[in-house]
Amino acid sequence: MQVEQGVRVYVANAIRPGSDGPNADLTIFAGPEVEQILALQVFDRWGNKLFEQNDLAPNAPSAWDGTFRGKPVPPGVVFWVCEVKTIDGQTVTLSGDITVLR
């Protein structure tokens, strides 16, 4: 869990794409102080952008399904960066890493 400036955002530390479990996809979970996820980006360990999506609802399932150009990414660590808008109009940038399991 990351806490910054009173903004609560949680991202699981591992996903298993293609599974039926709760961590099949990358999902951004947020507290009620987060109004909107303005942007979400996922990068591989070399800095290549694997995924980008704008204007996501907090706690909406299935932000990223573990693919790049329609093919599953290999197991390993990827990095995410998200920009969130709070209910008081602030924009906060958060980041972390997750492990993709196969």
Protein backbone atom coordinates (compact mmCIF):
# COMPACT_ATOMS: atom_id res chain seq x y z
CA MET A 1 0.00 0.00 0.00
CA GLN A 2 1.17 3.51 -0.71
CA VAL A 3 0.07 6.53 1.24
CA GLU A 4 0.97 9.97 0.01
CA GLN A 5 -0.59 13.26 1.06
CA GLY A 6 -3.52 11.37 2.58
CA VAL A 7 -4.35 9.64 -0.71
CA ARG A 8 -5.03 5.94 -0.25
CA VAL A 9 -4.23 3.78 -3.28
CA TYR A 10 -3.68 0.03 -3.25
CA VAL A 11 -2.33 -2.13 -6.06
CA ALA A 12 -1.69 -5.85 -5.56
CA ASN A 13 1.98 -6.78 -5.69
CA ALA A 14 1.34 -9.66 -8.12
CA ILE A 15 -1.13 -10.55 -10.87
CA ARG A 16 -1.83 -13.86 -12.59
CA PRO A 17 -3.31 -12.96 -15.99
CA GLY A 18 -5.75 -15.49 -17.41
CA SER A 19 -6.71 -16.86 -14.01
CA ASP A 20 -10.16 -16.68 -12.49
CA GLY A 21 -8.82 -15.32 -9.22
CA PRO A 22 -9.10 -11.84 -7.75
CA ASN A 23 -5.69 -10.76 -9.11
CA ALA A 24 -6.21 -11.77 -12.74
CA ASP A 25 -5.80 -8.14 -13.85
CA LEU A 26 -4.09 -5.01 -12.58
CA THR A 27 -6.70 -2.96 -10.74
CA ILE A 28 -6.21 0.35 -8.93
CA PHE A 29 -8.11 0.35 -5.64
CA ALA A 30 -8.54 3.74 -3.97
CA GLY A 31 -10.10 5.36 -0.95
CA PRO A 32 -13.09 7.70 -1.17
CA GLU A 33 -10.77 10.71 -1.42
CA VAL A 34 -9.83 9.64 -4.98
CA GLU A 35 -12.32 10.96 -7.52
CA GLN A 36 -10.71 9.69 -10.71
CA ILE A 37 -7.63 7.95 -12.05
CA LEU A 38 -6.45 10.35 -14.72
CA ALA A 39 -3.80 8.05 -16.20
CA LEU A 40 -2.30 4.61 -15.69
CA GLN A 41 0.86 3.41 -17.39
CA VAL A 42 2.69 0.08 -17.15
CA PHE A 43 6.35 -0.35 -18.14
CA ASP A 44 8.68 -3.33 -18.47
CA ARG A 45 12.06 -3.40 -16.73
CA TRP A 46 13.71 -1.68 -19.71
CA GLY A 47 11.27 1.23 -19.64
CA ASN A 48 9.17 0.16 -22.62
CA LYS A 49 5.54 1.20 -22.24
CA LEU A 50 3.31 -1.88 -22.20
CA PHE A 51 0.00 -0.22 -21.42
CA GLU A 52 -1.62 3.17 -21.05
CA GLN A 53 -5.17 4.14 -20.22
CA ASN A 54 -6.74 7.44 -19.25
CA ASP A 55 -9.86 8.38 -17.30
CA LEU A 56 -10.38 5.25 -15.21
CA ALA A 57 -12.85 4.96 -12.37
CA PRO A 58 -11.25 4.04 -9.05
CA ASN A 59 -11.84 0.41 -8.05
CA ALA A 60 -12.97 -0.52 -11.56
CA PRO A 61 -11.84 -4.05 -12.46
CA SER A 62 -9.54 -4.98 -15.31
CA ALA A 63 -7.36 -1.98 -15.94
CA TRP A 64 -4.53 -4.08 -17.48
CA ASP A 65 -4.80 -7.75 -18.41
CA GLY A 66 -1.09 -8.60 -18.62
CA THR A 67 -0.75 -8.36 -22.39
CA PHE A 68 1.25 -6.23 -24.81
CA ARG A 69 0.08 -5.94 -28.41
CA GLY A 70 -2.35 -8.79 -27.79
CA LYS A 71 0.25 -11.24 -26.48
CA PRO A 72 0.89 -12.22 -22.84
CA VAL A 73 3.90 -10.52 -21.30
CA PRO A 74 6.48 -12.92 -19.88
CA PRO A 75 6.61 -13.54 -16.13
CA GLY A 76 8.58 -10.93 -14.23
CA VAL A 77 8.40 -7.52 -12.64
CA VAL A 78 6.71 -4.56 -14.32
CA PHE A 79 6.31 -1.01 -13.07
CA TRP A 80 3.17 1.11 -12.91
CA VAL A 81 2.64 4.85 -12.64
CA CYS A 82 -0.75 6.42 -12.05
CA GLU A 83 -1.97 9.96 -11.73
CA VAL A 84 -5.04 10.42 -9.55
CA LYS A 85 -7.37 13.34 -8.99
CA THR A 86 -8.66 13.82 -5.45
CA ILE A 87 -12.06 15.12 -4.45
CA ASP A 88 -10.45 18.44 -3.49
CA GLY A 89 -8.94 18.87 -6.98
CA GLN A 90 -5.33 17.85 -6.28
CA THR A 91 -3.41 15.71 -8.75
CA VAL A 92 -1.09 13.13 -7.19
CA THR A 93 1.33 10.80 -9.01
CA LEU A 94 1.94 7.36 -7.50
CA SER A 95 4.06 4.43 -8.67
CA GLY A 96 5.11 0.91 -7.77
CA ASP A 97 5.95 -2.49 -9.14
CA ILE A 98 4.06 -5.76 -9.56
CA THR A 99 5.10 -9.27 -10.43
CA VAL A 100 3.40 -10.94 -13.37
CA LEU A 101 2.95 -14.66 -12.70
CA ARG A 102 2.13 -17.29 -15.30
